[in-house]
Amino acid sequence: MRTQSNGKTSRRGKRSVDADLDITPMIDVTFLLLIFFMVTSTMQPIRDKDIPPAANGDNANAGRFMDVSILSPAVDSADGSLLLEGRPVTLEQLATDLSARSQGGRVDLMIYAERDVRNGFVGEVEDVINGVEGNVDYNFAVRDMR
């Protein structure tokens, strides 16, 4: 056996080579891909409520109302999603929350239903609101036709 200059011996008498892996090109490619995807991707902003227009109606002070938003479904066959003051709720949670709030006095709701929401689902939300024990009043939000 031979002794090499680095102190290692090899059986065949050949010099052993320490294998170093240079990962600098791999890091460069990774950063290039990251930059490429950041530049080419588009951010999806929060959708505005697509409220249908109305030709006439009374103007209400929207500041005194609690917001109930009925958003369009992601799939055409599904019901929309429900938001109470910006937080997602189910129909049962809506009824429970409105019952609790109506015990303290009158509750005024403003219902924002998007254009693509199934009319039957809006009716279900109305049934839930009408079924709440207590003093709950609701209005539908519409856009002025211009």
Foldseek 3Di string as FASTA:
>chain_A
DDADPVGDDDDVRDDDDDDDDDCVVVVVVVVVVVVVCVVPDDDDDDDDAAFAADADDDDDDCVQAWEWEFEADPDLVDATWIDTNRHTDDLVVVLVVVLVVQVVHAHEHEYRYHPSGDPVVVVVSVVSQVPRPHHYHYYYDHHHDD
